[in-house]
Amino acid sequence: YGYSLSVSATTRAPREGEVDGREYYFKTTDEFLSLVDYNGFIE
């Protein structure tokens, strides 16, 4: 149906076949918490 998918960010390791920016934005814990500090997440 062509809906827009909001790709989440996560600190978990990619599973086999997963691509950064497609299934998730894979972040280190420091990178993730930095975005939290900058109000970069809705939740």
Full PDB file with SEQRES, HELIX, SHEET, SSBOND, CRYST1, ORIGX, SCALE, CONECT and MASTER records, all heavy atoms in Angstrom:
SEQRES   1 A   43  TYR GLY TYR SER LEU SER VAL SER ALA THR THR ARG ALA          
SEQRES   2 A   43  PRO ARG GLU GLY GLU VAL ASP GLY ARG GLU TYR TYR PHE          
SEQRES   3 A   43  LYS THR THR ASP GLU PHE LEU SER LEU VAL ASP TYR ASN          
SEQRES   4 A   43  GLY PHE ILE GLU                                              
HELIX    1 AA1 THR A   29  ASP A   37  1                                   9    
SHEET    1 AA1 2 ALA A   9  THR A  10  0                                        
SHEET    2 AA1 2 TYR A  25  PHE A  26  1                                        
CRYST1    1.000    1.000    1.000  90.00  90.00  90.00 P 1           1          
ORIGX1      1.000000  0.000000  0.000000        0.00000                         
ORIGX2      0.000000  1.000000  0.000000        0.00000                         
ORIGX3      0.000000  0.000000  1.000000        0.00000                         
SCALE1      1.000000  0.000000  0.000000        0.00000                         
SCALE2      0.000000  1.000000  0.000000        0.00000                         
SCALE3      0.000000  0.000000  1.000000        0.00000                         
ATOM      1  N   TYR A   1       0.792  -1.224   0.000  1.00  0.00           N  
ATOM      2  CA  TYR A   1       0.000   0.000   0.000  1.00  0.00           C  
ATOM      3  C   TYR A   1       0.829   1.282   0.000  1.00  0.00           C  
ATOM      4  O   TYR A   1       0.275   2.380  -0.041  1.00  0.00           O  
ATOM      5  CB  TYR A   1      -0.965  -0.005   1.194  1.00  0.00           C  
ATOM      6  CG  TYR A   1      -1.838  -1.238   1.206  1.00  0.00           C  
ATOM      7  CD1 TYR A   1      -1.639  -2.244   2.153  1.00  0.00           C  
ATOM      8  CD2 TYR A   1      -2.837  -1.410   0.258  1.00  0.00           C  
ATOM      9  CE1 TYR A   1      -2.431  -3.395   2.155  1.00  0.00           C  
ATOM     10  CE2 TYR A   1      -3.636  -2.554   0.255  1.00  0.00           C  
ATOM     11  CZ  TYR A   1      -3.422  -3.547   1.207  1.00  0.00           C  
ATOM     12  OH  TYR A   1      -4.197  -4.679   1.191  1.00  0.00           O  
ATOM     13  N   GLY A   2       2.137   1.155   0.053  1.00  0.00           N  
ATOM     14  CA  GLY A   2       2.991   2.318  -0.093  1.00  0.00           C  
ATOM     15  C   GLY A   2       3.005   3.279   1.082  1.00  0.00           C  
ATOM     16  O   GLY A   2       3.329   4.454   0.923  1.00  0.00           O  
ATOM     17  N   TYR A   3       2.673   2.788   2.268  1.00  0.00           N  
ATOM     18  CA  TYR A   3       2.724   3.650   3.436  1.00  0.00           C  
ATOM     19  C   TYR A   3       4.175   3.997   3.779  1.00  0.00           C  
ATOM     20  O   TYR A   3       5.111   3.295   3.384  1.00  0.00           O  
ATOM     21  CB  TYR A   3       2.070   2.965   4.638  1.00  0.00           C  
ATOM     22  CG  TYR A   3       0.599   2.679   4.456  1.00  0.00           C  
ATOM     23  CD1 TYR A   3       0.067   1.439   4.783  1.00  0.00           C  
ATOM     24  CD2 TYR A   3      -0.260   3.656   3.957  1.00  0.00           C  
ATOM     25  CE1 TYR A   3      -1.289   1.169   4.619  1.00  0.00           C  
ATOM     26  CE2 TYR A   3      -1.615   3.402   3.791  1.00  0.00           C  
ATOM     27  CZ  TYR A   3      -2.119   2.151   4.119  1.00  0.00           C  
ATOM     28  OH  TYR A   3      -3.453   1.896   3.952  1.00  0.00           O  
ATOM     29  N   SER A   4       4.346   5.072   4.522  1.00  0.00           N  
ATOM     30  CA  SER A   4       5.677   5.479   4.962  1.00  0.00           C  
ATOM     31  C   SER A   4       6.007   4.758   6.265  1.00  0.00           C  
ATOM     32  O   SER A   4       5.208   4.764   7.202  1.00  0.00           O  
ATOM     33  CB  SER A   4       5.728   6.998   5.190  1.00  0.00           C  
ATOM     34  OG  SER A   4       5.452   7.696   3.993  1.00  0.00           O  
ATOM     35  N   LEU A   5       7.179   4.141   6.302  1.00  0.00           N  
ATOM     36  CA  LEU A   5       7.596   3.433   7.508  1.00  0.00           C  
ATOM     37  C   LEU A   5       8.633   4.248   8.255  1.00  0.00           C  
ATOM     38  O   LEU A   5       9.660   4.632   7.685  1.00  0.00           O  
ATOM     39  CB  LEU A   5       8.193   2.068   7.153  1.00  0.00           C  
ATOM     40  CG  LEU A   5       8.796   1.279   8.324  1.00  0.00           C  
ATOM     41  CD1 LEU A   5       7.711   0.906   9.334  1.00  0.00           C  
ATOM     42  CD2 LEU A   5       9.513   0.037   7.820  1.00  0.00           C  
ATOM     43  N   SER A   6       8.340   4.513   9.513  1.00  0.00           N  
ATOM     44  CA  SER A   6       9.323   5.180  10.354  1.00  0.00           C  
ATOM     45  C   SER A   6      10.297   4.129  10.871  1.00  0.00           C  
ATOM     46  O   SER A   6       9.921   3.228  11.614  1.00  0.00           O  
ATOM     47  CB  SER A   6       8.640   5.875  11.536  1.00  0.00           C  
ATOM     48  OG  SER A   6       9.605   6.413  12.403  1.00  0.00           O  
ATOM     49  N   VAL A   7      11.549   4.215  10.455  1.00  0.00           N  
ATOM     50  CA  VAL A   7      12.564   3.258  10.867  1.00  0.00           C  
ATOM     51  C   VAL A   7      13.081   3.647  12.246  1.00  0.00           C  
ATOM     52  O   VAL A   7      13.533   4.776  12.453  1.00  0.00           O  
ATOM     53  CB  VAL A   7      13.722   3.217   9.851  1.00  0.00           C  
ATOM     54  CG1 VAL A   7      14.805   2.236  10.315  1.00  0.00           C  
ATOM     55  CG2 VAL A   7      13.203   2.820   8.475  1.00  0.00           C  
ATOM     56  N   SER A   8      13.001   2.726  13.181  1.00  0.00           N  
ATOM     57  CA  SER A   8      13.448   2.995  14.545  1.00  0.00           C  
ATOM     58  C   SER A   8      14.965   2.891  14.662  1.00  0.00           C  
ATOM     59  O   SER A   8      15.627   2.256  13.839  1.00  0.00           O  
ATOM     60  CB  SER A   8      12.801   2.004  15.509  1.00  0.00           C  
ATOM     61  OG  SER A   8      11.403   2.148  15.522  1.00  0.00           O  
ATOM     62  N   ALA A   9      15.489   3.508  15.703  1.00  0.00           N  
ATOM     63  CA  ALA A   9      16.901   3.352  16.057  1.00  0.00           C  
ATOM     64  C   ALA A   9      17.001   2.350  17.193  1.00  0.00           C  
ATOM     65  O   ALA A   9      16.099   2.258  18.033  1.00  0.00           O  
ATOM     66  CB  ALA A   9      17.487   4.692  16.486  1.00  0.00           C  
ATOM     67  N   THR A  10      18.084   1.587  17.232  1.00  0.00           N  
ATOM     68  CA  THR A  10      18.268   0.604  18.296  1.00  0.00           C  
ATOM     69  C   THR A  10      19.748   0.398  18.585  1.00  0.00           C  
ATOM     70  O   THR A  10      20.599   0.640  17.717  1.00  0.00           O  
ATOM     71  CB  THR A  10      17.634  -0.753  17.927  1.00  0.00           C  
ATOM     72  OG1 THR A  10      17.783  -1.653  19.025  1.00  0.00           O  
ATOM     73  CG2 THR A  10      18.294  -1.365  16.698  1.00  0.00           C  
ATOM     74  N   THR A  11      20.005  -0.060  19.792  1.00  0.00           N  
ATOM     75  CA  THR A  11      21.389  -0.405  20.159  1.00  0.00           C  
ATOM     76  C   THR A  11      21.640  -1.905  20.056  1.00  0.00           C  
ATOM     77  O   THR A  11      22.751  -2.350  20.320  1.00  0.00           O  
ATOM     78  CB  THR A  11      21.698   0.052  21.602  1.00  0.00           C  
ATOM     79  OG1 THR A  11      20.777  -0.580  22.504  1.00  0.00           O  
ATOM     80  CG2 THR A  11      21.589   1.561  21.724  1.00  0.00           C  
ATOM     81  N   ARG A  12      20.640  -2.686  19.662  1.00  0.00           N  
ATOM     82  CA  ARG A  12      20.875  -4.132  19.547  1.00  0.00           C  
ATOM     83  C   ARG A  12      21.680  -4.422  18.285  1.00  0.00           C  
ATOM     84  O   ARG A  12      21.666  -3.641  17.329  1.00  0.00           O  
ATOM     85  CB  ARG A  12      19.569  -4.910  19.567  1.00  0.00           C  
ATOM     86  CG  ARG A  12      18.791  -4.941  18.265  1.00  0.00           C  
ATOM     87  CD  ARG A  12      17.866  -6.160  18.258  1.00  0.00           C  
ATOM     88  NE  ARG A  12      16.925  -6.169  17.162  1.00  0.00           N  
ATOM     89  CZ  ARG A  12      17.220  -6.526  15.915  1.00  0.00           C  
ATOM     90  NH1 ARG A  12      18.458  -6.817  15.574  1.00  0.00           N  
ATOM     91  NH2 ARG A  12      16.275  -6.549  14.988  1.00  0.00           N  
ATOM     92  N   ALA A  13      22.346  -5.576  18.273  1.00  0.00           N  
ATOM     93  CA  ALA A  13      23.154  -5.964  17.112  1.00  0.00           C  
ATOM     94  C   ALA A  13      22.248  -6.382  15.961  1.00  0.00           C  
ATOM     95  O   ALA A  13      21.169  -6.946  16.180  1.00  0.00           O  
ATOM     96  CB  ALA A  13      24.069  -7.121  17.495  1.00  0.00           C  
ATOM     97  N   PRO A  14      22.654  -6.108  14.728  1.00  0.00           N  
ATOM     98  CA  PRO A  14      21.852  -6.529  13.568  1.00  0.00           C  
ATOM     99  C   PRO A  14      21.749  -8.057  13.481  1.00  0.00           C  
ATOM    100  O   PRO A  14      22.714  -8.766  13.771  1.00  0.00           O  
ATOM    101  CB  PRO A  14      22.643  -5.986  12.366  1.00  0.00           C  
ATOM    102  CG  PRO A  14      23.556  -4.944  12.928  1.00  0.00           C  
ATOM    103  CD  PRO A  14      23.861  -5.364  14.334  1.00  0.00           C  
ATOM    104  N   ARG A  15      20.573  -8.539  13.113  1.00  0.00           N  
ATOM    105  CA  ARG A  15      20.423  -9.954  12.807  1.00  0.00           C  
ATOM    106  C   ARG A  15      20.878 -10.197  11.369  1.00  0.00           C  
ATOM    107  O   ARG A  15      21.048  -9.254  10.588  1.00  0.00           O  
ATOM    108  CB  ARG A  15      18.961 -10.382  12.967  1.00  0.00           C  
ATOM    109  CG  ARG A  15      18.455 -10.298  14.405  1.00  0.00           C  
ATOM    110  CD  ARG A  15      17.019 -10.809  14.527  1.00  0.00           C  
ATOM    111  NE  ARG A  15      16.516 -10.666  15.888  1.00  0.00           N  
ATOM    112  CZ  ARG A  15      15.321 -10.169  16.200  1.00  0.00           C  
ATOM    113  NH1 ARG A  15      14.512  -9.756  15.255  1.00  0.00           N  
ATOM    114  NH2 ARG A  15      14.954 -10.077  17.468  1.00  0.00           N  
ATOM    115  N   GLU A  16      21.082 -11.449  11.039  1.00  0.00           N  
ATOM    116  CA  GLU A  16      21.542 -11.792   9.693  1.00  0.00           C  
ATOM    117  C   GLU A  16      20.577 -11.253   8.636  1.00  0.00           C  
ATOM    118  O   GLU A  16      19.363 -11.448   8.716  1.00  0.00           O  
ATOM    119  CB  GLU A  16      21.646 -13.314   9.533  1.00  0.00           C  
ATOM    120  CG  GLU A  16      22.214 -13.745   8.192  1.00  0.00           C  
ATOM    121  CD  GLU A  16      22.382 -15.245   8.076  1.00  0.00           C  
ATOM    122  OE1 GLU A  16      22.161 -15.947   9.102  1.00  0.00           O  
ATOM    123  OE2 GLU A  16      22.729 -15.714   6.991  1.00  0.00           O  
ATOM    124  N   GLY A  17      21.134 -10.518   7.663  1.00  0.00           N  
ATOM    125  CA  GLY A  17      20.329  -9.973   6.580  1.00  0.00           C  
ATOM    126  C   GLY A  17      19.797  -8.582   6.832  1.00  0.00           C  
ATOM    127  O   GLY A  17      19.302  -7.921   5.907  1.00  0.00           O  
ATOM    128  N   GLU A  18      19.885  -8.101   8.070  1.00  0.00           N  
ATOM    129  CA  GLU A  18      19.393  -6.751   8.367  1.00  0.00           C  
ATOM    130  C   GLU A  18      20.398  -5.698   7.902  1.00  0.00           C  
ATOM    131  O   GLU A  18      21.605  -5.899   7.988  1.00  0.00           O  
ATOM    132  CB  GLU A  18      19.126  -6.596   9.866  1.00  0.00           C  
ATOM    133  CG  GLU A  18      17.918  -7.390  10.343  1.00  0.00           C  
ATOM    134  CD  GLU A  18      17.590  -7.171  11.797  1.00  0.00           C  
ATOM    135  OE1 GLU A  18      18.510  -6.872  12.580  1.00  0.00           O  
ATOM    136  OE2 GLU A  18      16.408  -7.314  12.164  1.00  0.00           O  
ATOM    137  N   VAL A  19      19.861  -4.586   7.421  1.00  0.00           N  
ATOM    138  CA  VAL A  19      20.690  -3.507   6.863  1.00  0.00           C  
ATOM    139  C   VAL A  19      20.431  -2.225   7.634  1.00  0.00           C  
ATOM    140  O   VAL A  19      19.267  -1.873   7.909  1.00  0.00           O  
ATOM    141  CB  VAL A  19      20.373  -3.297   5.366  1.00  0.00           C  
ATOM    142  CG1 VAL A  19      21.184  -2.124   4.806  1.00  0.00           C  
ATOM    143  CG2 VAL A  19      20.664  -4.568   4.580  1.00  0.00           C  
ATOM    144  N   ASP A  20      21.496  -1.520   7.969  1.00  0.00           N  
ATOM    145  CA  ASP A  20      21.368  -0.246   8.676  1.00  0.00           C  
ATOM    146  C   ASP A  20      20.568   0.738   7.836  1.00  0.00           C  
ATOM    147  O   ASP A  20      20.849   0.944   6.652  1.00  0.00           O  
ATOM    148  CB  ASP A  20      22.766   0.329   8.955  1.00  0.00           C  
ATOM    149  CG  ASP A  20      22.697   1.609   9.771  1.00  0.00           C  
ATOM    150  OD1 ASP A  20      21.991   1.623  10.787  1.00  0.00           O  
ATOM    151  OD2 ASP A  20      23.340   2.603   9.367  1.00  0.00           O  
ATOM    152  N   GLY A  21      19.542   1.343   8.438  1.00  0.00           N  
ATOM    153  CA  GLY A  21      18.699   2.289   7.731  1.00  0.00           C  
ATOM    154  C   GLY A  21      17.485   1.656   7.073  1.00  0.00           C  
ATOM    155  O   GLY A  21      16.588   2.365   6.615  1.00  0.00           O  
ATOM    156  N   ARG A  22      17.448   0.332   7.009  1.00  0.00           N  
ATOM    157  CA  ARG A  22      16.286  -0.352   6.436  1.00  0.00           C  
ATOM    158  C   ARG A  22      15.436  -0.962   7.547  1.00  0.00           C  
ATOM    159  O   ARG A  22      14.309  -0.517   7.778  1.00  0.00           O  
ATOM    160  CB  ARG A  22      16.724  -1.442   5.455  1.00  0.00           C  
ATOM    161  CG  ARG A  22      15.546  -2.077   4.686  1.00  0.00           C  
ATOM    162  CD  ARG A  22      16.041  -3.129   3.714  1.00  0.00           C  
ATOM    163  NE  ARG A  22      16.618  -4.286   4.414  1.00  0.00           N  
ATOM    164  CZ  ARG A  22      17.238  -5.278   3.781  1.00  0.00           C  
ATOM    165  NH1 ARG A  22      17.417  -5.231   2.479  1.00  0.00           N  
ATOM    166  NH2 ARG A  22      17.717  -6.310   4.477  1.00  0.00           N  
ATOM    167  N   GLU A  23      15.964  -1.964   8.255  1.00  0.00           N  
ATOM    168  CA  GLU A  23      15.231  -2.525   9.399  1.00  0.00           C  
ATOM    169  C   GLU A  23      15.303  -1.595  10.607  1.00  0.00           C  
ATOM    170  O   GLU A  23      14.309  -1.348  11.282  1.00  0.00           O  
ATOM    171  CB  GLU A  23      15.784  -3.900   9.778  1.00  0.00           C  
ATOM    172  CG  GLU A  23      15.343  -5.030   8.857  1.00  0.00           C  
ATOM    173  CD  GLU A  23      16.130  -5.081   7.559  1.00  0.00           C  
ATOM    174  OE1 GLU A  23      17.194  -4.433   7.482  1.00  0.00           O  
ATOM    175  OE2 GLU A  23      15.692  -5.768   6.622  1.00  0.00           O  
ATOM    176  N   TYR A  24      16.511  -1.100  10.889  1.00  0.00           N  
ATOM    177  CA  TYR A  24      16.757  -0.182  12.002  1.00  0.00           C  
ATOM    178  C   TYR A  24      17.940   0.709  11.651  1.00  0.00           C  
ATOM    179  O   TYR A  24      18.725   0.407  10.752  1.00  0.00           O  
ATOM    180  CB  TYR A  24      17.130  -0.950  13.293  1.00  0.00           C  
ATOM    181  CG  TYR A  24      16.010  -1.675  13.969  1.00  0.00           C  
ATOM    182  CD1 TYR A  24      15.788  -3.035  13.741  1.00  0.00           C  
ATOM    183  CD2 TYR A  24      15.178  -1.017  14.883  1.00  0.00           C  
ATOM    184  CE1 TYR A  24      14.765  -3.716  14.386  1.00  0.00           C  
ATOM    185  CE2 TYR A  24      14.152  -1.701  15.536  1.00  0.00           C  
ATOM    186  CZ  TYR A  24      13.952  -3.041  15.281  1.00  0.00           C  
ATOM    187  OH  TYR A  24      12.941  -3.704  15.924  1.00  0.00           O  
ATOM    188  N   TYR A  25      18.029   1.816  12.394  1.00  0.00           N  
ATOM    189  CA  TYR A  25      19.289   2.547  12.445  1.00  0.00           C  
ATOM    190  C   TYR A  25      20.048   1.976  13.642  1.00  0.00           C  
ATOM    191  O   TYR A  25      19.624   2.137  14.786  1.00  0.00           O  
ATOM    192  CB  TYR A  25      19.054   4.048  12.644  1.00  0.00           C  
ATOM    193  CG  TYR A  25      18.377   4.716  11.463  1.00  0.00           C  
ATOM    194  CD1 TYR A  25      17.058   5.166  11.554  1.00  0.00           C  
ATOM    195  CD2 TYR A  25      19.049   4.898  10.263  1.00  0.00           C  
ATOM    196  CE1 TYR A  25      16.425   5.766  10.481  1.00  0.00           C  
ATOM    197  CE2 TYR A  25      18.428   5.498   9.173  1.00  0.00           C  
ATOM    198  CZ  TYR A  25      17.120   5.929   9.297  1.00  0.00           C  
ATOM    199  OH  TYR A  25      16.493   6.518   8.230  1.00  0.00           O  
ATOM    200  N   PHE A  26      21.132   1.285  13.378  1.00  0.00           N  
ATOM    201  CA  PHE A  26      21.872   0.634  14.457  1.00  0.00           C  
ATOM    202  C   PHE A  26      22.868   1.619  15.071  1.00  0.00           C  
ATOM    203  O   PHE A  26      23.720   2.176  14.380  1.00  0.00           O  
ATOM    204  CB  PHE A  26      22.583  -0.604  13.914  1.00  0.00           C  
ATOM    205  CG  PHE A  26      21.627  -1.670  13.457  1.00  0.00           C  
ATOM    206  CD1 PHE A  26      21.341  -1.844  12.113  1.00  0.00           C  
ATOM    207  CD2 PHE A  26      20.985  -2.481  14.385  1.00  0.00           C  
ATOM    208  CE1 PHE A  26      20.445  -2.816  11.692  1.00  0.00           C  
ATOM    209  CE2 PHE A  26      20.076  -3.456  13.973  1.00  0.00           C  
ATOM    210  CZ  PHE A  26      19.810  -3.624  12.622  1.00  0.00           C  
ATOM    211  N   LYS A  27      22.711   1.866  16.378  1.00  0.00           N  
ATOM    212  CA  LYS A  27      23.499   2.864  17.088  1.00  0.00           C  
ATOM    213  C   LYS A  27      24.255   2.224  18.253  1.00  0.00           C  
ATOM    214  O   LYS A  27      23.824   1.215  18.816  1.00  0.00           O  
ATOM    215  CB  LYS A  27      22.582   3.962  17.657  1.00  0.00           C  
ATOM    216  CG  LYS A  27      21.696   4.650  16.630  1.00  0.00           C  
ATOM    217  CD  LYS A  27      22.485   5.547  15.710  1.00  0.00           C  
ATOM    218  CE  LYS A  27      21.564   6.315  14.766  1.00  0.00           C  
ATOM    219  NZ  LYS A  27      22.329   7.142  13.799  1.00  0.00           N  
ATOM    220  N   THR A  28      25.356   2.855  18.601  1.00  0.00           N  
ATOM    221  CA  THR A  28      25.983   2.493  19.865  1.00  0.00           C  
ATOM    222  C   THR A  28      25.154   3.111  20.985  1.00  0.00           C  
ATOM    223  O   THR A  28      24.330   4.007  20.748  1.00  0.00           O  
ATOM    224  CB  THR A  28      27.422   3.024  19.945  1.00  0.00           C  
ATOM    225  OG1 THR A  28      27.375   4.463  19.971  1.00  0.00           O  
ATOM    226  CG2 THR A  28      28.255   2.554  18.752  1.00  0.00           C  
ATOM    227  N   THR A  29      25.378   2.649  22.209  1.00  0.00           N  
ATOM    228  CA  THR A  29      24.631   3.217  23.334  1.00  0.00           C  
ATOM    229  C   THR A  29      24.920   4.705  23.487  1.00  0.00           C  
ATOM    230  O   THR A  29      24.007   5.505  23.735  1.00  0.00           O  
ATOM    231  CB  THR A  29      24.997   2.469  24.635  1.00  0.00           C  
ATOM    232  OG1 THR A  29      24.649   1.093  24.496  1.00  0.00           O  
ATOM    233  CG2 THR A  29      24.257   3.060  25.823  1.00  0.00           C  
ATOM    234  N   ASP A  30      26.174   5.105  23.304  1.00  0.00           N  
ATOM    235  CA  ASP A  30      26.529   6.527  23.414  1.00  0.00           C  
ATOM    236  C   ASP A  30      25.831   7.356  22.341  1.00  0.00           C  
ATOM    237  O   ASP A  30      25.339   8.462  22.622  1.00  0.00           O  
ATOM    238  CB  ASP A  30      28.046   6.705  23.304  1.00  0.00           C  
ATOM    239  CG  ASP A  30      28.779   6.246  24.555  1.00  0.00           C  
ATOM    240  OD1 ASP A  30      28.118   6.080  25.596  1.00  0.00           O  
ATOM    241  OD2 ASP A  30      30.011   6.060  24.483  1.00  0.00           O  
ATOM    242  N   GLU A  31      25.789   6.843  21.119  1.00  0.00           N  
ATOM    243  CA  GLU A  31      25.118   7.566  20.030  1.00  0.00           C  
ATOM    244  C   GLU A  31      23.631   7.717  20.321  1.00  0.00           C  
ATOM    245  O   GLU A  31      23.046   8.790  20.109  1.00  0.00           O  
ATOM    246  CB  GLU A  31      25.311   6.825  18.707  1.00  0.00           C  
ATOM    247  CG  GLU A  31      26.719   6.893  18.148  1.00  0.00           C  
ATOM    248  CD  GLU A  31      26.911   5.984  16.951  1.00  0.00           C  
ATOM    249  OE1 GLU A  31      26.131   5.013  16.791  1.00  0.00           O  
ATOM    250  OE2 GLU A  31      27.850   6.234  16.170  1.00  0.00           O  
ATOM    251  N   PHE A  32      23.024   6.645  20.807  1.00  0.00           N  
ATOM    252  CA  PHE A  32      21.598   6.668  21.097  1.00  0.00           C  
ATOM    253  C   PHE A  32      21.269   7.685  22.189  1.00  0.00           C  
ATOM    254  O   PHE A  32      20.363   8.515  22.041  1.00  0.00           O  
ATOM    255  CB  PHE A  32      21.128   5.280  21.519  1.00  0.00           C  
ATOM    256  CG  PHE A  32      19.631   5.141  21.610  1.00  0.00           C  
ATOM    257  CD1 PHE A  32      18.917   4.592  20.559  1.00  0.00           C  
ATOM    258  CD2 PHE A  32      18.945   5.545  22.747  1.00  0.00           C  
ATOM    259  CE1 PHE A  32      17.541   4.461  20.642  1.00  0.00           C  
ATOM    260  CE2 PHE A  32      17.576   5.433  22.837  1.00  0.00           C  
ATOM    261  CZ  PHE A  32      16.862   4.887  21.779  1.00  0.00           C  
ATOM    262  N   LEU A  33      22.008   7.629  23.276  1.00  0.00           N  
ATOM    263  CA  LEU A  33      21.731   8.526  24.403  1.00  0.00           C  
ATOM    264  C   LEU A  33      22.009   9.977  24.053  1.00  0.00           C  
ATOM    265  O   LEU A  33      21.384  10.891  24.597  1.00  0.00           O  
ATOM    266  CB  LEU A  33      22.549   8.090  25.625  1.00  0.00           C  
ATOM    267  CG  LEU A  33      22.169   6.720  26.192  1.00  0.00           C  
ATOM    268  CD1 LEU A  33      23.061   6.353  27.373  1.00  0.00           C  
ATOM    269  CD2 LEU A  33      20.703   6.684  26.619  1.00  0.00           C  
ATOM    270  N   SER A  34      22.926  10.208  23.128  1.00  0.00           N  
ATOM    271  CA  SER A  34      23.173  11.568  22.648  1.00  0.00           C  
ATOM    272  C   SER A  34      21.943  12.112  21.932  1.00  0.00           C  
ATOM    273  O   SER A  34      21.559  13.277  22.116  1.00  0.00           O  
ATOM    274  CB  SER A  34      24.378  11.586  21.701  1.00  0.00           C  
ATOM    275  OG  SER A  34      24.596  12.885  21.192  1.00  0.00           O  
ATOM    276  N   LEU A  35      21.288  11.270  21.122  1.00  0.00           N  
ATOM    277  CA  LEU A  35      20.062  11.690  20.447  1.00  0.00           C  
ATOM    278  C   LEU A  35      18.938  11.938  21.448  1.00  0.00           C  
ATOM    279  O   LEU A  35      18.114  12.833  21.261  1.00  0.00           O  
ATOM    280  CB  LEU A  35      19.640  10.622  19.431  1.00  0.00           C  
ATOM    281  CG  LEU A  35      20.464  10.570  18.148  1.00  0.00           C  
ATOM    282  CD1 LEU A  35      20.141   9.306  17.355  1.00  0.00           C  
ATOM    283  CD2 LEU A  35      20.204  11.806  17.291  1.00  0.00           C  
ATOM    284  N   VAL A  36      18.899  11.155  22.512  1.00  0.00           N  
ATOM    285  CA  VAL A  36      17.918  11.389  23.569  1.00  0.00           C  
ATOM    286  C   VAL A  36      18.105  12.784  24.153  1.00  0.00           C  
ATOM    287  O   VAL A  36      17.149  13.539  24.343  1.00  0.00           O  
ATOM    288  CB  VAL A  36      18.040  10.325  24.682  1.00  0.00           C  
ATOM    289  CG1 VAL A  36      17.170  10.702  25.887  1.00  0.00           C  
ATOM    290  CG2 VAL A  36      17.649   8.950  24.162  1.00  0.00           C  
ATOM    291  N   ASP A  37      19.353  13.141  24.408  1.00  0.00           N  
ATOM    292  CA  ASP A  37      19.669  14.449  24.988  1.00  0.00           C  
ATOM    293  C   ASP A  37      19.236  15.593  24.080  1.00  0.00           C  
ATOM    294  O   ASP A  37      18.871  16.674  24.548  1.00  0.00           O  
ATOM    295  CB  ASP A  37      21.171  14.554  25.276  1.00  0.00           C  
ATOM    296  CG  ASP A  37      21.612  13.649  26.420  1.00  0.00           C  
ATOM    297  OD1 ASP A  37      20.739  13.246  27.226  1.00  0.00           O  
ATOM    298  OD2 ASP A  37      22.815  13.343  26.505  1.00  0.00           O  
ATOM    299  N   TYR A  38      19.289  15.367  22.775  1.00  0.00           N  
ATOM    300  CA  TYR A  38      18.932  16.409  21.803  1.00  0.00           C  
ATOM    301  C   TYR A  38      17.464  16.352  21.386  1.00  0.00           C  
ATOM    302  O   TYR A  38      17.074  16.972  20.406  1.00  0.00           O  
ATOM    303  CB  TYR A  38      19.823  16.304  20.565  1.00  0.00           C  
ATOM    304  CG  TYR A  38      21.203  16.881  20.772  1.00  0.00           C  
ATOM    305  CD1 TYR A  38      22.274  16.055  21.115  1.00  0.00           C  
ATOM    306  CD2 TYR A  38      21.447  18.249  20.647  1.00  0.00           C  
ATOM    307  CE1 TYR A  38      23.546  16.575  21.324  1.00  0.00           C  
ATOM    308  CE2 TYR A  38      22.714  18.777  20.847  1.00  0.00           C  
ATOM    309  CZ  TYR A  38      23.761  17.934  21.181  1.00  0.00           C  
ATOM    310  OH  TYR A  38      25.019  18.451  21.384  1.00  0.00           O  
ATOM    311  N   ASN A  39      16.643  15.585  22.119  1.00  0.00           N  
ATOM    312  CA  ASN A  39      15.212  15.468  21.842  1.00  0.00           C  
ATOM    313  C   ASN A  39      14.961  14.942  20.431  1.00  0.00           C  
ATOM    314  O   ASN A  39      14.009  15.348  19.749  1.00  0.00           O  
ATOM    315  CB  ASN A  39      14.499  16.821  22.032  1.00  0.00           C  
ATOM    316  CG  ASN A  39      12.994  16.672  22.190  1.00  0.00           C  
ATOM    317  OD1 ASN A  39      12.510  15.657  22.697  1.00  0.00           O  
ATOM    318  ND2 ASN A  39      12.250  17.666  21.738  1.00  0.00           N  
ATOM    319  N   GLY A  40      15.822  14.029  19.993  1.00  0.00           N  
ATOM    320  CA  GLY A  40      15.726  13.501  18.642  1.00  0.00           C  
ATOM    321  C   GLY A  40      14.716  12.387  18.464  1.00  0.00           C  
ATOM    322  O   GLY A  40      14.497  11.920  17.348  1.00  0.00           O  
ATOM    323  N   PHE A  41      14.080  11.944  19.567  1.00  0.00           N  
ATOM    324  CA  PHE A  41      13.107  10.859  19.485  1.00  0.00           C  
ATOM    325  C   PHE A  41      11.734  11.328  19.956  1.00  0.00           C  
ATOM    326  O   PHE A  41      11.623  12.085  20.919  1.00  0.00           O  
ATOM    327  CB  PHE A  41      13.532   9.673  20.352  1.00  0.00           C  
ATOM    328  CG  PHE A  41      14.807   9.020  19.912  1.00  0.00           C  
ATOM    329  CD1 PHE A  41      15.913   8.989  20.749  1.00  0.00           C  
ATOM    330  CD2 PHE A  41      14.908   8.429  18.666  1.00  0.00           C  
ATOM    331  CE1 PHE A  41      17.090   8.375  20.348  1.00  0.00           C  
ATOM    332  CE2 PHE A  41      16.082   7.815  18.255  1.00  0.00           C  
ATOM    333  CZ  PHE A  41      17.182   7.787  19.092  1.00  0.00           C  
ATOM    334  N   ILE A  42      10.695  10.855  19.280  1.00  0.00           N  
ATOM    335  CA  ILE A  42       9.333  11.061  19.766  1.00  0.00           C  
ATOM    336  C   ILE A  42       9.135  10.242  21.041  1.00  0.00           C  
ATOM    337  O   ILE A  42       8.510  10.687  22.001  1.00  0.00           O  
ATOM    338  CB  ILE A  42       8.298  10.627  18.709  1.00  0.00           C  
ATOM    339  CG1 ILE A  42       8.382  11.526  17.479  1.00  0.00           C  
ATOM    340  CG2 ILE A  42       6.880  10.657  19.286  1.00  0.00           C  
ATOM    341  CD1 ILE A  42       7.494  11.067  16.344  1.00  0.00           C  
ATOM    342  N   GLU A  43       9.670   9.038  21.016  1.00  0.00           N  
ATOM    343  CA  GLU A  43       9.622   8.153  22.182  1.00  0.00           C  
ATOM    344  C   GLU A  43      10.821   7.225  22.114  1.00  0.00           C  
ATOM    345  O   GLU A  43      11.382   6.976  21.059  1.00  0.00           O  
ATOM    346  CB  GLU A  43       8.314   7.342  22.209  1.00  0.00           C  
ATOM    347  CG  GLU A  43       8.076   6.472  20.988  1.00  0.00           C  
ATOM    348  CD  GLU A  43       8.845   5.192  20.995  1.00  0.00           C  
ATOM    349  OE1 GLU A  43       9.050   4.641  22.094  1.00  0.00           O  
ATOM    350  OE2 GLU A  43       9.258   4.720  19.920  1.00  0.00           O  
TER     351      GLU A  43                                                      
MASTER        0    0    0    1    2    0    0    6  350    1    0    4          
END                                                                             
